[in-house]
Structures are given as C-alpha cells and as structure tokens.
N, C-alpha and C. Protein backbone atom coordinates (compact mmCIF):
# COMPACT_ATOMS: atom_id res chain seq x y z
N MET A 1 9.65 -17.97 -6.33
CA MET A 1 9.02 -17.45 -5.22
C MET A 1 7.30 -16.94 -5.67
N LYS A 2 6.54 -17.13 -5.00
CA LYS A 2 5.33 -17.07 -5.12
C LYS A 2 4.72 -15.87 -4.48
N LEU A 3 4.10 -14.75 -5.41
CA LEU A 3 3.09 -13.80 -4.32
C LEU A 3 1.76 -13.87 -4.72
N TYR A 4 0.98 -14.03 -3.25
CA TYR A 4 -0.15 -13.74 -3.39
C TYR A 4 -0.68 -12.61 -3.74
N HIS A 5 -1.56 -12.45 -4.61
CA HIS A 5 -1.90 -11.14 -5.19
C HIS A 5 -2.88 -10.86 -5.72
N ALA A 6 -3.82 -9.64 -5.27
CA ALA A 6 -4.81 -8.93 -6.05
C ALA A 6 -4.41 -7.58 -6.55
N PRO A 7 -4.42 -7.11 -7.52
CA PRO A 7 -4.39 -5.73 -8.13
C PRO A 7 -4.92 -4.46 -7.63
N ALA A 8 -5.97 -4.95 -7.19
CA ALA A 8 -6.33 -3.57 -6.36
C ALA A 8 -5.97 -3.26 -4.87
N SER A 9 -5.50 -4.36 -4.20
CA SER A 9 -4.70 -4.27 -3.10
C SER A 9 -3.76 -2.84 -3.07
N PRO A 10 -3.46 -1.82 -2.09
CA PRO A 10 -2.67 -1.08 -2.04
C PRO A 10 -1.36 -1.41 -1.23
N PHE A 11 -1.38 -2.73 -0.41
CA PHE A 11 -0.42 -3.25 -0.03
C PHE A 11 0.41 -4.25 -0.89
N VAL A 12 -0.29 -5.08 -1.48
CA VAL A 12 0.15 -5.95 -2.73
C VAL A 12 0.81 -4.65 -3.85
N ARG A 13 0.27 -3.58 -4.09
CA ARG A 13 1.05 -2.64 -5.24
C ARG A 13 2.18 -2.53 -4.85
N LYS A 14 2.57 -2.10 -3.36
CA LYS A 14 3.66 -1.84 -2.66
C LYS A 14 4.59 -2.66 -3.36
N VAL A 15 4.31 -4.11 -3.03
CA VAL A 15 5.82 -5.23 -3.52
C VAL A 15 5.48 -5.00 -4.74
N MET A 16 4.86 -4.67 -5.69
CA MET A 16 4.89 -4.87 -7.15
C MET A 16 5.63 -3.68 -7.43
N VAL A 17 5.50 -2.60 -6.87
CA VAL A 17 6.13 -1.34 -7.27
C VAL A 17 7.83 -1.40 -7.00
N LEU A 18 7.95 -2.37 -5.96
CA LEU A 18 9.62 -2.72 -5.51
C LEU A 18 9.90 -3.73 -6.79
N LEU A 19 9.18 -4.64 -7.12
CA LEU A 19 9.76 -5.33 -8.02
C LEU A 19 10.03 -4.85 -9.02
N ASN A 20 9.32 -4.03 -9.55
CA ASN A 20 9.23 -3.19 -10.93
C ASN A 20 10.40 -2.11 -10.85
N GLU A 21 10.71 -1.63 -9.84
CA GLU A 21 11.92 -0.53 -9.88
C GLU A 21 12.99 -1.32 -9.55
N ALA A 22 13.15 -2.54 -9.34
CA ALA A 22 14.44 -3.48 -9.25
C ALA A 22 14.76 -4.46 -10.10
N LYS A 23 13.51 -3.90 -11.12
CA LYS A 23 13.73 -4.94 -12.48
C LYS A 23 13.51 -6.24 -12.35
N ALA A 24 12.67 -6.65 -11.27
CA ALA A 24 12.82 -8.02 -10.85
C ALA A 24 11.44 -8.66 -10.77
N ALA A 25 10.48 -8.04 -11.19
CA ALA A 25 8.96 -8.68 -11.34
C ALA A 25 8.87 -10.23 -12.30
N ASP A 26 9.80 -10.37 -12.79
CA ASP A 26 9.87 -11.74 -13.51
C ASP A 26 10.51 -12.77 -12.38
N ARG A 27 10.98 -12.29 -11.09
CA ARG A 27 11.30 -13.30 -9.99
C ARG A 27 10.15 -14.03 -9.31
N VAL A 28 8.90 -13.16 -9.27
CA VAL A 28 7.71 -13.78 -8.61
C VAL A 28 6.85 -14.29 -9.47
N THR A 29 6.17 -15.59 -9.19
CA THR A 29 4.99 -16.11 -9.82
C THR A 29 3.73 -15.66 -9.30
N LEU A 30 3.01 -14.99 -9.85
CA LEU A 30 1.60 -14.01 -9.07
C LEU A 30 0.60 -15.27 -9.20
N VAL A 31 0.03 -15.40 -7.78
CA VAL A 31 -1.22 -16.41 -7.67
C VAL A 31 -2.15 -15.52 -6.92
N PRO A 32 -3.27 -15.43 -8.20
CA PRO A 32 -4.41 -14.64 -7.60
C PRO A 32 -4.86 -15.05 -6.18
N ALA A 33 -5.62 -13.91 -5.13
CA ALA A 33 -6.05 -14.44 -4.44
C ALA A 33 -7.05 -13.31 -3.69
N SER A 34 -8.45 -13.59 -3.35
CA SER A 34 -9.29 -12.59 -3.01
C SER A 34 -10.06 -12.96 -1.81
N GLY A 35 -10.47 -12.24 -1.09
CA GLY A 35 -11.75 -12.38 -0.10
C GLY A 35 -12.20 -11.47 0.64
N SER A 36 -12.83 -11.63 1.67
CA SER A 36 -12.81 -10.33 2.76
C SER A 36 -13.13 -11.00 4.00
N PRO A 37 -13.32 -9.79 5.28
CA PRO A 37 -13.17 -10.32 6.43
C PRO A 37 -14.45 -11.28 6.79
N LEU A 38 -15.48 -11.37 5.96
CA LEU A 38 -16.67 -11.96 5.90
C LEU A 38 -16.40 -13.58 5.24
N ASP A 39 -15.41 -13.09 4.49
CA ASP A 39 -15.59 -14.82 3.62
C ASP A 39 -13.94 -14.84 3.32
N PRO A 40 -13.17 -15.73 3.56
CA PRO A 40 -11.47 -15.70 3.38
C PRO A 40 -11.48 -16.12 1.89
N GLY A 41 -12.43 -16.89 1.30
CA GLY A 41 -12.23 -16.89 -0.19
C GLY A 41 -11.15 -17.62 -0.72
N THR A 42 -10.59 -17.09 -1.33
CA THR A 42 -9.13 -17.90 -2.01
C THR A 42 -8.11 -17.30 -1.28
N MET A 43 -8.10 -16.67 -0.37
CA MET A 43 -6.97 -15.94 0.44
C MET A 43 -6.02 -17.32 1.12
N PRO A 44 -4.77 -17.09 1.19
CA PRO A 44 -3.77 -18.17 1.59
C PRO A 44 -3.79 -18.17 2.75
N VAL A 45 -4.87 -18.75 3.64
CA VAL A 45 -5.01 -18.66 5.21
C VAL A 45 -4.18 -20.02 5.58
N VAL A 46 -3.62 -20.99 4.69
CA VAL A 46 -2.73 -22.01 5.37
C VAL A 46 -1.35 -21.41 5.37
N ARG A 47 -0.89 -20.35 4.39
CA ARG A 47 0.27 -19.62 4.31
C ARG A 47 0.14 -18.72 5.01
N ASN A 48 -0.77 -17.82 5.34
CA ASN A 48 -0.75 -16.87 6.38
C ASN A 48 -2.13 -16.61 7.12
N PRO A 49 -1.95 -17.55 8.25
CA PRO A 49 -3.04 -17.32 9.09
C PRO A 49 -4.15 -16.36 9.14
N LEU A 50 -3.92 -15.10 8.99
CA LEU A 50 -4.46 -13.89 9.14
C LEU A 50 -5.47 -13.72 7.87
N GLY A 51 -5.29 -14.73 6.74
CA GLY A 51 -5.80 -14.52 5.66
C GLY A 51 -5.59 -13.26 4.88
N LYS A 52 -4.71 -12.74 5.12
CA LYS A 52 -4.67 -11.45 4.13
C LYS A 52 -3.09 -11.73 3.33
N ILE A 53 -3.63 -10.51 2.29
CA ILE A 53 -2.32 -10.41 1.20
C ILE A 53 -1.65 -9.19 1.40
N PRO A 54 -0.51 -9.06 1.09
CA PRO A 54 0.25 -9.91 0.34
C PRO A 54 0.69 -10.99 1.11
N ALA A 55 1.51 -12.30 0.46
CA ALA A 55 1.87 -13.29 0.94
C ALA A 55 2.87 -13.66 0.06
N LEU A 56 4.29 -13.87 0.48
CA LEU A 56 4.97 -14.53 -0.38
C LEU A 56 5.92 -15.83 0.10
N GLU A 57 5.39 -16.62 -0.82
CA GLU A 57 5.93 -17.89 -0.55
C GLU A 57 7.52 -18.00 -1.02
N ARG A 58 8.23 -18.49 -0.04
CA ARG A 58 9.70 -18.70 -0.50
C ARG A 58 9.86 -20.24 -0.60
N ALA A 59 10.87 -20.71 -1.14
CA ALA A 59 11.64 -22.06 -1.47
C ALA A 59 12.45 -22.49 -0.25
N ASP A 60 13.02 -21.24 0.45
CA ASP A 60 13.97 -21.78 1.60
C ASP A 60 13.58 -21.23 2.73
N GLY A 61 12.10 -20.86 3.15
CA GLY A 61 11.87 -20.72 4.50
C GLY A 61 10.38 -20.22 4.95
N PRO A 62 9.62 -20.29 5.79
CA PRO A 62 8.29 -19.98 5.93
C PRO A 62 7.65 -18.92 5.11
N THR A 63 6.32 -19.08 4.77
CA THR A 63 6.08 -17.67 3.93
C THR A 63 6.17 -16.43 4.81
N LEU A 64 6.35 -15.39 4.27
CA LEU A 64 6.30 -14.06 4.53
C LEU A 64 4.94 -13.35 4.32
N TYR A 65 4.63 -12.64 5.39
CA TYR A 65 3.55 -11.83 5.12
C TYR A 65 3.27 -10.57 5.98
N ASP A 66 2.71 -9.83 5.54
CA ASP A 66 2.46 -8.38 5.96
C ASP A 66 3.70 -7.41 5.10
N SER A 67 2.69 -6.55 4.27
CA SER A 67 3.99 -6.14 3.00
C SER A 67 4.83 -5.48 3.73
N ARG A 68 5.09 -4.88 5.06
CA ARG A 68 6.65 -4.23 5.48
C ARG A 68 7.43 -5.24 5.54
N VAL A 69 7.10 -6.53 5.85
CA VAL A 69 8.14 -7.80 5.99
C VAL A 69 8.36 -7.94 4.75
N ILE A 70 7.61 -8.17 3.77
CA ILE A 70 8.12 -8.63 2.48
C ILE A 70 8.59 -7.42 1.58
N THR A 71 8.69 -6.49 1.90
CA THR A 71 9.31 -5.37 1.05
C THR A 71 10.66 -5.11 1.89
N ARG A 72 11.17 -5.31 3.03
CA ARG A 72 12.38 -5.52 3.66
C ARG A 72 13.18 -6.79 2.85
N TYR A 73 12.42 -7.70 3.02
CA TYR A 73 13.05 -8.96 2.78
C TYR A 73 13.32 -8.97 1.01
N LEU A 74 12.42 -8.36 0.25
CA LEU A 74 12.80 -8.00 -1.09
C LEU A 74 13.86 -7.16 -1.33
N ASP A 75 13.85 -5.98 -0.56
CA ASP A 75 14.67 -4.99 -0.74
C ASP A 75 16.23 -5.71 -0.44
N ASP A 76 16.21 -6.25 0.40
CA ASP A 76 17.89 -6.89 0.68
C ASP A 76 18.04 -7.94 -0.44
N LEU A 77 17.15 -8.66 -0.80
CA LEU A 77 17.18 -10.03 -1.56
C LEU A 77 18.03 -9.11 -2.76
N LEU A 78 17.14 -8.14 -3.29
CA LEU A 78 17.14 -7.56 -4.75
C LEU A 78 18.38 -6.50 -4.54
N GLN A 79 18.56 -5.91 -3.50
CA GLN A 79 19.38 -5.08 -3.06
C GLN A 79 19.14 -3.69 -4.02
N ALA A 80 17.63 -3.42 -3.87
CA ALA A 80 16.79 -2.21 -4.32
C ALA A 80 17.54 -1.21 -3.72
N HIS A 81 17.91 -1.09 -2.55
CA HIS A 81 18.35 0.05 -1.74
C HIS A 81 17.06 1.25 -1.35
N LEU A 82 15.87 0.65 -1.53
CA LEU A 82 14.92 1.40 -0.92
C LEU A 82 14.33 1.59 0.43
N TYR A 83 15.29 1.14 0.97
CA TYR A 83 15.45 1.31 2.59
C TYR A 83 16.93 1.87 2.80
N PRO A 84 16.93 3.25 3.17
CA PRO A 84 18.14 3.88 3.22
C PRO A 84 18.90 3.51 4.62
N ALA A 85 20.00 3.76 4.97
CA ALA A 85 20.45 3.74 6.49
C ALA A 85 20.46 4.70 7.01
N ALA A 86 20.12 4.58 8.49
CA ALA A 86 20.02 5.70 9.37
C ALA A 86 21.09 6.96 9.23
N PRO A 87 20.41 8.08 9.61
CA PRO A 87 19.28 7.95 10.69
C PRO A 87 18.28 8.48 9.36
N ARG A 88 18.54 8.55 8.17
CA ARG A 88 17.04 8.70 7.17
C ARG A 88 16.10 7.55 7.37
N LEU A 89 16.56 6.21 7.77
CA LEU A 89 16.04 4.95 7.52
C LEU A 89 14.93 5.33 8.37
N TRP A 90 14.69 5.94 9.55
CA TRP A 90 13.66 6.36 10.59
C TRP A 90 12.69 7.00 10.13
N ASP A 91 12.99 8.16 9.01
CA ASP A 91 11.78 8.94 8.60
C ASP A 91 11.29 7.99 7.60
N THR A 92 12.14 7.15 6.91
CA THR A 92 11.42 6.26 6.01
C THR A 92 10.54 5.70 6.46
N LEU A 93 10.55 4.83 7.95
CA LEU A 93 9.93 3.93 8.01
C LEU A 93 8.42 4.83 8.53
N THR A 94 8.75 5.65 9.27
CA THR A 94 7.50 6.35 9.74
C THR A 94 6.75 6.71 8.66
N ILE A 95 6.76 7.40 7.39
CA ILE A 95 6.32 7.80 6.50
C ILE A 95 5.89 6.32 5.90
N GLU A 96 6.41 5.23 5.71
CA GLU A 96 6.16 4.26 5.30
C GLU A 96 4.63 3.78 6.00
N ALA A 97 4.93 4.19 7.12
CA ALA A 97 3.89 3.31 8.18
C ALA A 97 2.76 4.33 8.18
N THR A 98 2.71 5.62 7.78
CA THR A 98 1.74 6.67 7.83
C THR A 98 0.90 6.04 6.16
N GLY A 99 1.78 5.90 5.28
CA GLY A 99 1.15 5.37 3.75
C GLY A 99 0.30 3.82 4.36
N ASP A 100 0.65 3.38 5.26
CA ASP A 100 0.00 1.90 5.27
C ASP A 100 -1.24 2.17 6.10
N GLY A 101 -1.05 3.32 7.11
CA GLY A 101 -2.16 4.01 7.86
C GLY A 101 -3.23 3.93 7.17
N ILE A 102 -2.97 4.82 6.11
CA ILE A 102 -4.05 5.55 5.32
C ILE A 102 -4.53 4.57 4.48
N ALA A 103 -3.88 3.74 3.86
CA ALA A 103 -4.30 2.63 3.08
C ALA A 103 -5.30 1.79 3.89
N GLU A 104 -5.09 1.61 5.10
CA GLU A 104 -5.86 0.16 5.90
C GLU A 104 -7.02 1.15 6.05
N ALA A 105 -6.95 2.30 6.41
CA ALA A 105 -8.20 3.17 6.75
C ALA A 105 -9.21 2.97 5.93
N ALA A 106 -8.51 3.67 4.45
CA ALA A 106 -9.35 3.18 3.14
C ALA A 106 -9.71 1.99 2.65
N VAL A 107 -9.30 1.02 3.05
CA VAL A 107 -9.87 -0.45 2.92
C VAL A 107 -10.95 -0.84 3.66
N LEU A 108 -10.82 -0.21 4.82
CA LEU A 108 -11.67 -0.38 6.15
C LEU A 108 -13.05 0.32 5.90
N MET A 109 -13.02 1.36 4.92
CA MET A 109 -14.12 2.34 4.47
C MET A 109 -14.63 1.40 3.41
N ARG A 110 -13.89 1.01 2.60
CA ARG A 110 -14.47 0.12 1.56
C ARG A 110 -15.11 -0.95 2.26
N TYR A 111 -14.75 -1.89 2.75
CA TYR A 111 -15.45 -2.82 3.30
C TYR A 111 -16.53 -2.72 4.13
N GLU A 112 -16.71 -1.51 4.73
CA GLU A 112 -17.76 -1.19 5.62
C GLU A 112 -19.07 -0.63 4.83
N MET A 113 -18.64 -0.20 3.94
CA MET A 113 -19.72 0.29 2.96
C MET A 113 -20.10 -0.48 1.69
N HIS A 114 -19.45 -1.68 1.65
CA HIS A 114 -19.33 -2.37 0.08
C HIS A 114 -19.69 -3.85 0.77
N VAL A 115 -18.99 -4.29 1.45
CA VAL A 115 -18.64 -5.75 1.84
C VAL A 115 -20.13 -6.14 3.47
N ARG A 116 -19.93 -5.01 4.42
CA ARG A 116 -20.89 -5.24 5.25
C ARG A 116 -22.48 -5.25 4.73
N PRO A 117 -23.61 -5.96 5.17
CA PRO A 117 -24.81 -6.03 4.74
C PRO A 117 -24.97 -4.66 5.08
N GLU A 118 -26.35 -4.18 4.27
CA GLU A 118 -26.63 -2.85 4.17
C GLU A 118 -27.20 -2.49 5.36
N ALA A 119 -27.87 -3.10 6.16
CA ALA A 119 -28.62 -2.94 7.30
C ALA A 119 -27.56 -2.60 8.38
N SER A 120 -26.42 -3.20 8.46
CA SER A 120 -25.42 -3.02 9.15
C SER A 120 -24.06 -2.08 9.27
N ARG A 121 -24.71 -1.24 8.08
CA ARG A 121 -23.43 -0.19 7.56
C ARG A 121 -23.66 1.24 8.47
N SER A 122 -22.58 1.86 8.62
CA SER A 122 -22.36 2.76 9.61
C SER A 122 -21.42 3.91 8.79
N PRO A 123 -22.12 4.73 8.48
CA PRO A 123 -21.52 6.09 7.75
C PRO A 123 -20.69 6.89 8.56
N ALA A 124 -21.16 7.01 9.89
CA ALA A 124 -20.50 7.65 10.52
C ALA A 124 -19.04 7.00 10.82
N TRP A 125 -19.11 5.85 11.03
CA TRP A 125 -17.74 4.88 11.44
C TRP A 125 -16.83 4.93 10.05
N ALA A 126 -17.49 4.97 8.73
CA ALA A 126 -16.47 5.05 8.07
C ALA A 126 -16.00 6.88 7.66
N ASP A 127 -16.72 7.70 8.10
CA ASP A 127 -16.28 9.10 8.28
C ASP A 127 -15.14 9.12 9.11
N ALA A 128 -15.64 8.62 10.17
CA ALA A 128 -14.45 8.61 11.45
C ALA A 128 -12.69 7.73 10.73
N GLN A 129 -12.85 6.61 9.76
CA GLN A 129 -11.65 6.19 9.27
C GLN A 129 -11.18 7.60 8.42
N TRP A 130 -12.02 8.21 7.49
CA TRP A 130 -11.97 9.05 7.10
C TRP A 130 -10.96 10.38 7.71
N GLN A 131 -11.60 10.50 8.64
CA GLN A 131 -10.59 11.76 9.51
C GLN A 131 -9.74 11.33 9.67
N LYS A 132 -8.82 10.18 9.83
CA LYS A 132 -7.77 9.42 10.54
C LYS A 132 -6.76 9.95 9.04
N ILE A 133 -7.38 9.23 7.89
CA ILE A 133 -6.61 9.77 6.64
C ILE A 133 -6.44 11.10 6.46
N ALA A 134 -7.37 11.98 6.88
CA ALA A 134 -7.05 13.59 6.64
C ALA A 134 -6.31 13.57 7.58
N ARG A 135 -6.06 13.64 8.73
CA ARG A 135 -4.85 13.98 9.79
C ARG A 135 -3.32 13.33 9.29
N ALA A 136 -3.68 11.99 8.51
CA ALA A 136 -2.42 11.59 8.23
C ALA A 136 -1.87 12.24 6.83
N LEU A 137 -2.75 12.58 5.80
CA LEU A 137 -2.52 13.62 4.87
C LEU A 137 -2.12 15.05 5.18
N ALA A 138 -2.72 15.64 6.35
CA ALA A 138 -2.14 16.93 6.63
C ALA A 138 -0.75 16.62 7.34
N ALA A 139 -0.70 15.78 7.66
CA ALA A 139 1.04 15.60 8.33
C ALA A 139 2.08 15.57 7.27
N LEU A 140 1.42 14.89 6.48
CA LEU A 140 2.55 14.59 5.13
C LEU A 140 2.95 15.75 4.56
N GLU A 141 1.71 16.77 4.23
CA GLU A 141 1.60 17.85 3.65
C GLU A 141 2.65 18.96 4.34
N GLU A 142 2.32 18.87 5.81
CA GLU A 142 2.80 19.82 6.92
C GLU A 142 4.38 19.60 7.07
N ARG A 143 4.95 18.32 7.06
CA ARG A 143 5.88 17.68 7.68
C ARG A 143 6.71 16.64 6.82
N TRP A 144 6.49 16.57 6.01
CA TRP A 144 7.20 15.42 5.19
C TRP A 144 7.48 15.89 3.64
N ILE A 145 7.13 16.72 3.24
CA ILE A 145 7.25 17.17 1.56
C ILE A 145 8.93 16.94 1.26
N SER A 146 9.37 17.45 2.12
CA SER A 146 10.87 17.36 1.89
C SER A 146 11.41 16.16 1.93
N HIS A 147 11.05 15.02 2.57
CA HIS A 147 11.75 13.73 2.50
C HIS A 147 11.11 13.11 1.21
N LEU A 148 9.83 13.34 1.12
CA LEU A 148 9.23 12.71 -0.35
C LEU A 148 9.78 13.33 -1.22
N SER A 149 10.38 14.81 -1.52
CA SER A 149 11.00 14.96 -2.77
C SER A 149 12.11 14.62 -2.84
N GLY A 150 12.86 13.69 -1.90
CA GLY A 150 14.02 13.29 -2.14
C GLY A 150 14.04 11.87 -2.68
N PRO A 151 15.42 11.37 -2.79
CA PRO A 151 15.46 10.10 -3.66
C PRO A 151 14.67 9.00 -2.92
N LEU A 152 14.08 8.00 -3.86
CA LEU A 152 12.86 7.18 -3.91
C LEU A 152 13.32 6.30 -2.47
N ASP A 153 12.50 6.06 -1.73
CA ASP A 153 12.44 5.17 -0.73
C ASP A 153 10.95 4.42 -0.47
N MET A 154 10.72 3.40 0.17
CA MET A 154 9.67 2.80 0.57
C MET A 154 8.67 3.88 1.05
N GLY A 155 9.03 4.51 1.84
CA GLY A 155 8.16 5.73 2.36
C GLY A 155 7.38 6.49 1.25
N GLN A 156 8.02 6.56 0.45
CA GLN A 156 7.62 7.56 -0.66
C GLN A 156 6.34 6.40 -1.71
N VAL A 157 6.97 5.21 -1.79
CA VAL A 157 6.22 4.24 -2.52
C VAL A 157 5.25 3.77 -1.69
N ALA A 158 4.97 3.46 -0.19
CA ALA A 158 3.76 3.43 0.32
C ALA A 158 2.63 4.55 0.51
N VAL A 159 3.25 5.77 0.53
CA VAL A 159 2.43 6.78 0.63
C VAL A 159 1.64 7.05 -1.03
N ALA A 160 2.56 6.68 -2.05
CA ALA A 160 1.80 6.72 -3.70
C ALA A 160 0.69 5.81 -3.77
N CYS A 161 1.20 4.71 -3.35
CA CYS A 161 0.17 3.20 -3.51
C CYS A 161 -0.92 3.88 -2.83
N ALA A 162 -0.94 4.40 -1.61
CA ALA A 162 -2.09 4.86 -0.55
C ALA A 162 -2.87 5.76 -1.37
N LEU A 163 -2.17 6.86 -2.01
CA LEU A 163 -2.97 8.11 -2.70
C LEU A 163 -3.80 7.32 -3.97
N GLY A 164 -2.73 6.49 -4.71
CA GLY A 164 -3.91 5.77 -5.93
C GLY A 164 -4.98 5.19 -5.35
N TYR A 165 -4.93 4.34 -4.03
CA TYR A 165 -6.15 3.72 -3.35
C TYR A 165 -7.42 4.64 -3.27
N LEU A 166 -7.07 5.78 -2.50
CA LEU A 166 -7.83 6.59 -2.16
C LEU A 166 -8.58 7.06 -3.88
N ASP A 167 -7.90 7.23 -4.90
CA ASP A 167 -8.13 7.69 -6.13
C ASP A 167 -9.50 6.62 -6.62
N PHE A 168 -8.79 5.25 -6.34
CA PHE A 168 -9.52 4.29 -7.01
C PHE A 168 -10.58 4.01 -6.50
N ARG A 169 -10.98 3.99 -4.92
CA ARG A 169 -11.94 3.43 -4.01
C ARG A 169 -12.65 4.86 -3.61
N HIS A 170 -11.82 5.56 -3.34
CA HIS A 170 -12.62 6.89 -2.97
C HIS A 170 -12.42 8.01 -3.80
N ALA A 171 -12.80 8.18 -5.00
CA ALA A 171 -12.67 9.61 -6.17
C ALA A 171 -13.45 10.67 -5.50
N ASP A 172 -14.75 10.23 -4.79
CA ASP A 172 -15.61 11.18 -4.54
C ASP A 172 -15.18 11.73 -3.39
N ARG A 173 -14.37 11.62 -2.60
CA ARG A 173 -13.63 12.58 -1.62
C ARG A 173 -12.17 12.94 -2.55
N ASP A 174 -12.59 14.39 -1.81
CA ASP A 174 -11.65 15.45 -2.23
C ASP A 174 -10.16 15.66 -1.34
N TRP A 175 -9.32 14.52 -1.55
CA TRP A 175 -8.14 14.84 -0.47
C TRP A 175 -6.83 15.98 -1.46
N ARG A 176 -7.15 16.47 -2.11
CA ARG A 176 -6.32 17.30 -3.23
C ARG A 176 -6.10 18.84 -2.92
N SER A 177 -7.50 19.03 -2.73
CA SER A 177 -7.54 20.55 -2.44
C SER A 177 -7.01 21.09 -1.01
N ALA A 178 -6.87 20.41 0.13
CA ALA A 178 -6.44 20.76 1.20
C ALA A 178 -4.55 20.45 1.20
N ASN A 179 -4.50 19.66 0.31
CA ASN A 179 -3.12 19.13 0.41
C ASN A 179 -2.27 19.46 -1.26
N PRO A 180 -2.05 20.89 -1.34
CA PRO A 180 -1.66 20.86 -2.95
C PRO A 180 -0.25 20.39 -3.36
N GLY A 181 0.69 20.57 -1.95
CA GLY A 181 1.93 20.17 -2.29
C GLY A 181 1.95 18.57 -2.34
N LEU A 182 1.36 17.76 -1.54
CA LEU A 182 1.29 16.49 -1.48
C LEU A 182 0.51 16.05 -3.13
N ALA A 183 -0.17 16.83 -3.37
CA ALA A 183 -0.84 16.43 -4.92
C ALA A 183 0.22 16.45 -5.72
N ALA A 184 0.46 17.71 -5.97
CA ALA A 184 1.70 18.01 -6.97
C ALA A 184 3.02 16.75 -6.89
N TRP A 185 3.33 16.39 -5.86
CA TRP A 185 4.57 15.37 -5.53
C TRP A 185 3.70 13.94 -6.09
N TYR A 186 2.39 13.76 -5.74
CA TYR A 186 1.75 12.53 -5.89
C TYR A 186 1.79 12.73 -7.93
N ALA A 187 1.32 13.69 -8.26
CA ALA A 187 1.13 13.74 -10.20
C ALA A 187 2.75 13.16 -10.68
N ALA A 188 3.61 13.74 -10.02
CA ALA A 188 5.12 13.21 -10.44
C ALA A 188 5.74 12.14 -10.19
N ILE A 189 5.20 11.08 -8.98
CA ILE A 189 5.81 10.23 -8.69
C ILE A 189 4.71 9.21 -9.43
N ASP A 190 3.33 9.19 -9.60
CA ASP A 190 2.49 8.46 -10.28
C ASP A 190 2.80 8.14 -11.88
N ALA A 191 3.89 9.07 -12.28
CA ALA A 191 4.43 8.97 -13.72
C ALA A 191 5.57 8.10 -14.03
N ARG A 192 5.93 7.58 -12.94
CA ARG A 192 6.99 6.38 -12.73
C ARG A 192 6.40 5.25 -13.62
N GLN A 193 7.53 4.33 -14.45
CA GLN A 193 6.73 3.43 -14.74
C GLN A 193 6.64 2.26 -13.99
N SER A 194 7.18 2.53 -12.69
CA SER A 194 6.84 1.06 -11.79
C SER A 194 5.10 1.61 -11.24
N MET A 195 4.78 2.72 -11.07
CA MET A 195 3.53 3.36 -10.77
C MET A 195 2.59 2.86 -11.81
N ARG A 196 2.90 2.94 -13.13
CA ARG A 196 2.06 3.20 -14.23
C ARG A 196 1.91 1.61 -14.34
N ALA A 197 2.64 0.82 -14.28
CA ALA A 197 2.65 -0.72 -14.63
C ALA A 197 1.75 -1.30 -13.19
N THR A 198 1.68 -0.68 -12.56
CA THR A 198 1.02 -1.55 -11.33
C THR A 198 -0.32 -0.92 -10.80
N ALA A 199 -0.85 0.00 -11.79
CA ALA A 199 -1.87 0.55 -11.58
C ALA A 199 -3.33 -0.10 -11.79
N PRO A 200 -4.19 -0.12 -10.38
CA PRO A 200 -5.17 -1.29 -10.52
C PRO A 200 -6.53 -0.58 -11.54
N ASP A 201 -6.99 -1.60 -11.93
CA ASP A 201 -7.80 -1.41 -13.24
C ASP A 201 -9.14 -1.64 -13.13
N ALA A 202 -9.43 -2.65 -12.25
CA ALA A 202 -10.84 -3.19 -11.96
C ALA A 202 -11.15 -3.37 -10.47
C-alpha cells in the first residue's frame, strides 16, 4: 500500500498514529505530497480528484481517501480495534468528527493567513474559524472528558492530532487556559509512542 503523505497534516497524522498503534507502519510506503487550494502541486489528483491527502493506494481496489475512510479500512484490515462496538461507537465517531472539524478549521486559518495573497486575507474570517475551534474545545471539555479518558479509540486520536496541529501552527492561540481538563488529557496522550513518532517537525 502507498500512503500519500505530508507530516504536517493532522489528517495524515491520524493514519500514521493508527499504523503505529497497530505496529504496522512498515505495511505502507510513504509518498510525499504537497500543495494548496491555489496550486495542487504534487497532490495525488489522479488518485483523489479532490486533490487532498491522505490518500491510500491499494493493490486490490480503488484508492481510498478522506482520513475517516482510511482509518476505518486500516482498523479493519489490521484488527487495531480503535473503533469500538456500538453503542460506544457512536460516541467515538462523534468525537472523531469533532477532532476532524477542529483540524479542518485550523488548516483553513493557516491557508487564509499564509497562502492567500496578503491583500485578500481576512483576519475576521480566520477569527471566525477560531470561534468554531473554541466551541468544539469547550464541548470536549464539558461533555466528553470521561470518554477521552477511557480506552484508546480513533476519537481520541483525532482530537489529539488536532490539538497537536493547534500547537504546531497556531501556538499564539492559547487553547489550554479555558480547557484545563482537556489540556491535562492531551499532555498524557501526547506522551504515547505513536504520538511522539508522528509529531510534525517542519
């Protein structure tokens, strides 16, 4: 299998954390890919017409894309058991969607302030994306800490990767002070080998 990959992407990182948790990182070949909404660059547009990563090229079927599709596929293939059975599954999927939503808003902020031409940038629009993030963090803090503190699942992985991206790209935004429970939880999960091995460095 080939995984179209960029280490800074929180969505790629989700897949890599799963592979590390399953001790199966050697099952995929990483193919570097980069681009932006203004220029697809080396994004795998033939494999994924949306021009996004991650994308997982398989020998026995079409390329899979969208991180949630890829992680469900790999979880089944590798028997990683990071998607629990119902009824807990529905909470896991909701938390995964929340983590992915935080990451998506944070990536859009990054594009707005660093990719869009300077004359066209809208700080107000970027701040509106941050408000989405702040609401999602508050929901995790108030509603989901007990689930996050339970057995590891892909909801937790998605949130951890999103928080890591906030630290990586938006370190000037203080998300911890309003969310002390979430901050303490993140400090613990960020120490896992799978998170350390996949931390972006550039």
